[in-house]
Amino acid sequence: QVQFVESGGGLVQPGGSLRLSCAASGDIFSIYAMGWYRQAPGKQRELIAAITWSAGNTNYADSVKGRFTISRDNAKNTVYLQMNSLKSEDTAVYYCYADVLTTGRVSIRSWGQGTQVTISS
């Protein structure tokens, strides 16, 4: 089982910034990738950013390109999401995930508990 500690969500005004972090621990032999989804009320969960663990390759949803930056700390099994120039439409619950190989050599995707991000004046 993989556990997560997510932090950094909150309320911020339009144009502001937030930094989310997500630390994974538990039954992890290695990590393939980590990333972030978000889900706004009444909408489907969407992938907004992901990063591969060894090479650090990144990809972003078009809606956040140029405003959000994903990064990682391999030693801490932690992924970050720096969010700048925030808009009201960025309001959502943000979920981190990790694609890992467990110590039992099983590949799984695990999810964090989610953190609320609200953009409002």
N, C-alpha and C. Protein backbone atom coordinates (compact mmCIF):
# COMPACT_ATOMS: atom_id res chain seq x y z
N GLN A 1 0.84 -1.19 0.00
CA GLN A 1 0.00 0.00 0.00
C GLN A 1 0.88 1.25 0.00
N VAL A 2 0.43 2.23 -0.78
CA VAL A 2 1.18 3.49 -0.89
C VAL A 2 0.39 4.57 -0.16
N GLN A 3 1.09 5.34 0.64
CA GLN A 3 0.46 6.46 1.35
C GLN A 3 0.99 7.78 0.79
N PHE A 4 0.15 8.79 0.94
CA PHE A 4 0.52 10.11 0.43
C PHE A 4 0.28 11.17 1.50
N VAL A 5 1.13 12.18 1.47
CA VAL A 5 0.89 13.40 2.24
C VAL A 5 0.85 14.55 1.25
N GLU A 6 -0.34 15.11 1.07
CA GLU A 6 -0.53 16.24 0.16
C GLU A 6 -0.64 17.51 0.99
N SER A 7 -0.11 18.59 0.45
CA SER A 7 -0.23 19.87 1.13
C SER A 7 -0.14 21.00 0.13
N GLY A 8 -0.53 22.18 0.58
CA GLY A 8 -0.35 23.39 -0.22
C GLY A 8 -1.61 23.98 -0.79
N GLY A 9 -2.73 23.30 -0.68
CA GLY A 9 -3.96 23.87 -1.20
C GLY A 9 -4.45 25.03 -0.37
N GLY A 10 -5.48 25.70 -0.86
CA GLY A 10 -6.03 26.81 -0.11
C GLY A 10 -6.80 27.78 -0.98
N LEU A 11 -7.04 28.95 -0.42
CA LEU A 11 -7.78 30.01 -1.10
C LEU A 11 -6.79 31.10 -1.52
N VAL A 12 -6.88 31.49 -2.78
CA VAL A 12 -5.99 32.54 -3.28
C VAL A 12 -6.76 33.39 -4.28
N GLN A 13 -6.37 34.64 -4.41
CA GLN A 13 -7.04 35.53 -5.36
C GLN A 13 -6.59 35.24 -6.78
N PRO A 14 -7.43 35.61 -7.75
CA PRO A 14 -7.01 35.46 -9.15
C PRO A 14 -5.69 36.18 -9.40
N GLY A 15 -4.84 35.51 -10.18
CA GLY A 15 -3.52 36.05 -10.44
C GLY A 15 -2.47 35.61 -9.45
N GLY A 16 -2.90 35.00 -8.38
CA GLY A 16 -1.98 34.56 -7.34
C GLY A 16 -1.31 33.24 -7.67
N SER A 17 -0.56 32.74 -6.68
CA SER A 17 0.21 31.50 -6.85
C SER A 17 0.00 30.58 -5.66
N LEU A 18 0.15 29.30 -5.94
CA LEU A 18 0.15 28.27 -4.90
C LEU A 18 1.16 27.21 -5.31
N ARG A 19 1.68 26.51 -4.32
CA ARG A 19 2.56 25.37 -4.59
C ARG A 19 2.03 24.16 -3.84
N LEU A 20 1.69 23.14 -4.60
CA LEU A 20 1.24 21.88 -4.02
C LEU A 20 2.42 20.93 -3.91
N SER A 21 2.38 20.10 -2.87
CA SER A 21 3.38 19.05 -2.76
C SER A 21 2.68 17.74 -2.40
N CYS A 22 3.31 16.65 -2.78
CA CYS A 22 2.74 15.32 -2.53
C CYS A 22 3.89 14.35 -2.31
N ALA A 23 3.98 13.81 -1.12
CA ALA A 23 5.03 12.87 -0.76
C ALA A 23 4.45 11.47 -0.67
N ALA A 24 5.07 10.55 -1.38
CA ALA A 24 4.63 9.15 -1.40
C ALA A 24 5.54 8.31 -0.52
N SER A 25 4.93 7.33 0.14
CA SER A 25 5.70 6.42 0.98
C SER A 25 4.97 5.09 1.05
N GLY A 26 5.65 4.11 1.66
CA GLY A 26 5.01 2.81 1.83
C GLY A 26 5.64 1.76 0.94
N ASP A 27 4.78 0.94 0.33
CA ASP A 27 5.22 -0.22 -0.42
C ASP A 27 5.70 0.19 -1.82
N ILE A 28 6.85 0.83 -1.88
CA ILE A 28 7.40 1.34 -3.13
C ILE A 28 8.78 0.76 -3.37
N PHE A 29 8.92 0.02 -4.48
CA PHE A 29 10.25 -0.41 -4.90
C PHE A 29 10.88 0.65 -5.80
N SER A 30 10.05 1.12 -6.73
CA SER A 30 10.50 2.21 -7.60
C SER A 30 9.28 2.97 -8.11
N ILE A 31 9.53 4.18 -8.55
CA ILE A 31 8.46 5.02 -9.09
C ILE A 31 8.69 5.21 -10.58
N TYR A 32 7.64 5.03 -11.35
CA TYR A 32 7.71 5.29 -12.80
C TYR A 32 7.43 6.76 -13.09
N ALA A 33 6.37 7.25 -12.46
CA ALA A 33 5.93 8.61 -12.73
C ALA A 33 5.01 9.06 -11.62
N MET A 34 4.90 10.37 -11.48
CA MET A 34 3.91 10.98 -10.59
C MET A 34 3.29 12.15 -11.32
N GLY A 35 2.14 12.56 -10.83
CA GLY A 35 1.48 13.67 -11.49
C GLY A 35 0.29 14.16 -10.71
N TRP A 36 -0.45 15.03 -11.36
CA TRP A 36 -1.60 15.68 -10.74
C TRP A 36 -2.81 15.66 -11.68
N TYR A 37 -3.94 15.29 -11.11
CA TYR A 37 -5.23 15.47 -11.75
C TYR A 37 -5.98 16.53 -10.94
N ARG A 38 -7.02 17.04 -11.54
CA ARG A 38 -7.93 17.88 -10.79
C ARG A 38 -9.37 17.59 -11.19
N GLN A 39 -10.28 17.88 -10.27
CA GLN A 39 -11.69 17.68 -10.55
C GLN A 39 -12.48 18.84 -10.00
N ALA A 40 -13.12 19.56 -10.91
CA ALA A 40 -13.98 20.66 -10.52
C ALA A 40 -15.40 20.14 -10.33
N PRO A 41 -16.22 20.85 -9.58
CA PRO A 41 -17.61 20.40 -9.36
C PRO A 41 -18.34 20.20 -10.67
N GLY A 42 -18.96 19.04 -10.82
CA GLY A 42 -19.73 18.75 -12.01
C GLY A 42 -18.92 18.39 -13.23
N LYS A 43 -17.61 18.27 -13.06
CA LYS A 43 -16.75 17.95 -14.21
C LYS A 43 -15.98 16.67 -13.97
N GLN A 44 -15.48 16.11 -15.06
CA GLN A 44 -14.67 14.91 -14.95
C GLN A 44 -13.28 15.25 -14.44
N ARG A 45 -12.64 14.26 -13.82
CA ARG A 45 -11.26 14.44 -13.39
C ARG A 45 -10.39 14.54 -14.62
N GLU A 46 -9.48 15.51 -14.64
CA GLU A 46 -8.61 15.71 -15.79
C GLU A 46 -7.15 15.71 -15.36
N LEU A 47 -6.31 15.12 -16.21
CA LEU A 47 -4.87 15.13 -15.99
C LEU A 47 -4.34 16.51 -16.35
N ILE A 48 -3.60 17.12 -15.44
CA ILE A 48 -3.06 18.44 -15.74
C ILE A 48 -1.55 18.46 -15.85
N ALA A 49 -0.85 17.56 -15.17
CA ALA A 49 0.60 17.56 -15.26
C ALA A 49 1.14 16.21 -14.80
N ALA A 50 2.22 15.78 -15.44
CA ALA A 50 2.85 14.52 -15.06
C ALA A 50 4.34 14.62 -15.30
N ILE A 51 5.10 13.81 -14.56
CA ILE A 51 6.56 13.81 -14.70
C ILE A 51 7.07 12.39 -14.55
N THR A 52 7.96 11.99 -15.44
CA THR A 52 8.58 10.68 -15.30
C THR A 52 9.69 10.76 -14.26
N TRP A 53 9.85 9.65 -13.55
CA TRP A 53 10.72 9.74 -12.37
C TRP A 53 12.21 9.70 -12.68
N SER A 54 12.61 8.90 -13.63
CA SER A 54 14.05 8.80 -13.90
C SER A 54 14.53 9.95 -14.78
N ALA A 55 13.83 10.21 -15.88
CA ALA A 55 14.29 11.23 -16.82
C ALA A 55 13.77 12.62 -16.51
N GLY A 56 12.66 12.67 -15.78
CA GLY A 56 12.09 13.98 -15.48
C GLY A 56 11.34 14.61 -16.64
N ASN A 57 10.91 13.78 -17.59
CA ASN A 57 10.12 14.31 -18.69
C ASN A 57 8.75 14.74 -18.19
N THR A 58 8.26 15.85 -18.71
CA THR A 58 7.00 16.41 -18.24
C THR A 58 5.98 16.55 -19.35
N ASN A 59 4.74 16.55 -18.99
CA ASN A 59 3.69 16.93 -19.93
C ASN A 59 2.58 17.64 -19.16
N TYR A 60 1.90 18.52 -19.87
CA TYR A 60 0.90 19.38 -19.26
C TYR A 60 -0.37 19.43 -20.11
N ALA A 61 -1.49 19.64 -19.43
CA ALA A 61 -2.71 19.95 -20.15
C ALA A 61 -2.58 21.33 -20.77
N ASP A 62 -3.23 21.52 -21.91
CA ASP A 62 -3.16 22.82 -22.58
C ASP A 62 -3.65 23.95 -21.67
N SER A 63 -4.59 23.64 -20.82
CA SER A 63 -5.20 24.67 -19.98
C SER A 63 -4.24 25.24 -18.94
N VAL A 64 -3.13 24.53 -18.67
CA VAL A 64 -2.21 25.02 -17.63
C VAL A 64 -0.81 25.29 -18.17
N LYS A 65 -0.57 24.99 -19.42
CA LYS A 65 0.77 25.21 -19.99
C LYS A 65 1.18 26.68 -19.85
N GLY A 66 2.41 26.86 -19.44
CA GLY A 66 2.93 28.21 -19.27
C GLY A 66 2.61 28.83 -17.92
N ARG A 67 1.70 28.22 -17.17
CA ARG A 67 1.33 28.74 -15.85
C ARG A 67 1.73 27.80 -14.72
N PHE A 68 1.66 26.50 -14.97
CA PHE A 68 1.96 25.49 -13.95
C PHE A 68 3.28 24.82 -14.28
N THR A 69 4.02 24.45 -13.25
CA THR A 69 5.27 23.72 -13.42
C THR A 69 5.31 22.55 -12.45
N ILE A 70 5.54 21.36 -13.00
CA ILE A 70 5.66 20.17 -12.16
C ILE A 70 7.14 19.86 -11.99
N SER A 71 7.51 19.43 -10.78
CA SER A 71 8.89 19.05 -10.51
C SER A 71 8.88 17.92 -9.48
N ARG A 72 10.06 17.36 -9.25
CA ARG A 72 10.14 16.21 -8.35
C ARG A 72 11.40 16.27 -7.51
N ASP A 73 11.35 15.58 -6.40
CA ASP A 73 12.52 15.33 -5.57
C ASP A 73 12.61 13.82 -5.40
N ASN A 74 13.49 13.21 -6.15
CA ASN A 74 13.57 11.75 -6.14
C ASN A 74 13.90 11.20 -4.76
N ALA A 75 14.78 11.86 -4.06
CA ALA A 75 15.21 11.36 -2.75
C ALA A 75 14.07 11.36 -1.74
N LYS A 76 13.12 12.27 -1.93
CA LYS A 76 12.00 12.39 -0.99
C LYS A 76 10.72 11.77 -1.53
N ASN A 77 10.78 11.16 -2.73
CA ASN A 77 9.57 10.62 -3.36
C ASN A 77 8.44 11.65 -3.36
N THR A 78 8.80 12.86 -3.72
CA THR A 78 7.86 13.97 -3.64
C THR A 78 7.73 14.67 -4.99
N VAL A 79 6.50 15.00 -5.32
CA VAL A 79 6.22 15.76 -6.52
C VAL A 79 5.61 17.09 -6.11
N TYR A 80 5.94 18.12 -6.88
CA TYR A 80 5.45 19.47 -6.61
C TYR A 80 4.70 20.01 -7.82
N LEU A 81 3.79 20.91 -7.56
CA LEU A 81 3.10 21.61 -8.63
C LEU A 81 3.08 23.08 -8.28
N GLN A 82 3.89 23.85 -8.99
CA GLN A 82 3.90 25.30 -8.83
C GLN A 82 2.85 25.88 -9.75
N MET A 83 1.90 26.60 -9.18
CA MET A 83 0.78 27.13 -9.95
C MET A 83 0.82 28.66 -9.88
N ASN A 84 1.01 29.28 -11.02
CA ASN A 84 1.07 30.73 -11.11
C ASN A 84 -0.07 31.26 -11.97
N SER A 85 -0.30 32.54 -11.88
CA SER A 85 -1.34 33.20 -12.68
C SER A 85 -2.67 32.45 -12.58
N LEU A 86 -3.05 32.15 -11.38
CA LEU A 86 -4.23 31.33 -11.16
C LEU A 86 -5.50 32.04 -11.58
N LYS A 87 -6.44 31.25 -12.10
CA LYS A 87 -7.71 31.75 -12.60
C LYS A 87 -8.84 31.07 -11.83
N SER A 88 -10.02 31.66 -11.91
CA SER A 88 -11.16 31.07 -11.21
C SER A 88 -11.44 29.65 -11.71
N GLU A 89 -11.17 29.41 -12.99
CA GLU A 89 -11.42 28.08 -13.55
C GLU A 89 -10.43 27.03 -13.08
N ASP A 90 -9.41 27.44 -12.34
CA ASP A 90 -8.49 26.48 -11.75
C ASP A 90 -9.03 25.92 -10.43
N THR A 91 -10.14 26.46 -9.97
CA THR A 91 -10.75 25.97 -8.74
C THR A 91 -11.16 24.52 -8.90
N ALA A 92 -10.67 23.67 -8.00
CA ALA A 92 -10.92 22.23 -8.11
C ALA A 92 -10.27 21.54 -6.91
N VAL A 93 -10.57 20.26 -6.78
CA VAL A 93 -9.79 19.41 -5.89
C VAL A 93 -8.66 18.80 -6.71
N TYR A 94 -7.46 18.95 -6.22
CA TYR A 94 -6.27 18.46 -6.91
C TYR A 94 -5.80 17.17 -6.26
N TYR A 95 -5.63 16.15 -7.10
CA TYR A 95 -5.22 14.84 -6.64
C TYR A 95 -3.86 14.48 -7.22
N CYS A 96 -2.93 14.06 -6.39
CA CYS A 96 -1.70 13.53 -6.94
C CYS A 96 -1.84 12.02 -7.11
N TYR A 97 -1.01 11.48 -7.96
CA TYR A 97 -0.98 10.04 -8.16
C TYR A 97 0.46 9.61 -8.36
N ALA A 98 0.68 8.32 -8.14
CA ALA A 98 2.00 7.75 -8.38
C ALA A 98 1.84 6.40 -9.07
N ASP A 99 2.60 6.23 -10.13
CA ASP A 99 2.71 4.93 -10.80
C ASP A 99 3.96 4.27 -10.27
N VAL A 100 3.77 3.20 -9.52
CA VAL A 100 4.92 2.61 -8.82
C VAL A 100 5.01 1.13 -9.10
N LEU A 101 6.21 0.60 -8.84
CA LEU A 101 6.44 -0.83 -8.78
C LEU A 101 6.57 -1.15 -7.29
N THR A 102 5.70 -2.02 -6.81
CA THR A 102 5.75 -2.33 -5.38
C THR A 102 6.90 -3.29 -5.07
N THR A 103 7.14 -3.48 -3.80
CA THR A 103 8.19 -4.42 -3.41
C THR A 103 7.85 -5.85 -3.85
N GLY A 104 6.59 -6.10 -4.07
CA GLY A 104 6.18 -7.39 -4.61
C GLY A 104 6.23 -7.46 -6.12
N ARG A 105 6.80 -6.39 -6.75
CA ARG A 105 7.01 -6.30 -8.20
C ARG A 105 5.68 -6.28 -8.94
N VAL A 106 4.73 -5.58 -8.36
CA VAL A 106 3.45 -5.33 -9.01
C VAL A 106 3.37 -3.85 -9.35
N SER A 107 2.95 -3.57 -10.59
CA SER A 107 2.81 -2.17 -11.02
C SER A 107 1.40 -1.69 -10.69
N ILE A 108 1.32 -0.59 -9.98
CA ILE A 108 0.03 -0.05 -9.58
C ILE A 108 0.03 1.47 -9.70
N ARG A 109 -1.17 2.02 -9.76
CA ARG A 109 -1.35 3.47 -9.64
C ARG A 109 -2.08 3.72 -8.34
N SER A 110 -1.52 4.59 -7.53
CA SER A 110 -2.13 4.97 -6.26
C SER A 110 -2.43 6.45 -6.26
N TRP A 111 -3.44 6.83 -5.46
CA TRP A 111 -3.94 8.19 -5.45
C TRP A 111 -3.83 8.83 -4.07
N GLY A 112 -3.52 10.13 -4.09
CA GLY A 112 -3.59 10.90 -2.87
C GLY A 112 -5.04 11.22 -2.52
N GLN A 113 -5.22 11.84 -1.35
CA GLN A 113 -6.57 12.09 -0.84
C GLN A 113 -7.19 13.34 -1.43
N GLY A 114 -6.39 14.17 -2.07
CA GLY A 114 -6.90 15.38 -2.69
C GLY A 114 -6.74 16.59 -1.80
N THR A 115 -6.52 17.73 -2.44
CA THR A 115 -6.42 18.99 -1.71
C THR A 115 -7.21 20.05 -2.47
N GLN A 116 -7.97 20.84 -1.74
CA GLN A 116 -8.84 21.83 -2.37
C GLN A 116 -8.06 23.09 -2.72
N VAL A 117 -8.24 23.54 -3.96
CA VAL A 117 -7.69 24.81 -4.42
C VAL A 117 -8.86 25.68 -4.85
N THR A 118 -8.98 26.84 -4.25
CA THR A 118 -10.07 27.76 -4.57
C THR A 118 -9.49 29.11 -4.98
N ILE A 119 -9.90 29.55 -6.15
CA ILE A 119 -9.45 30.85 -6.66
C ILE A 119 -10.64 31.79 -6.65
N SER A 120 -10.56 32.80 -5.80
CA SER A 120 -11.68 33.72 -5.64
C SER A 120 -11.20 35.03 -5.06
N SER A 121 -11.85 36.09 -5.49
CA SER A 121 -11.54 37.40 -4.91
C SER A 121 -12.48 37.70 -3.73
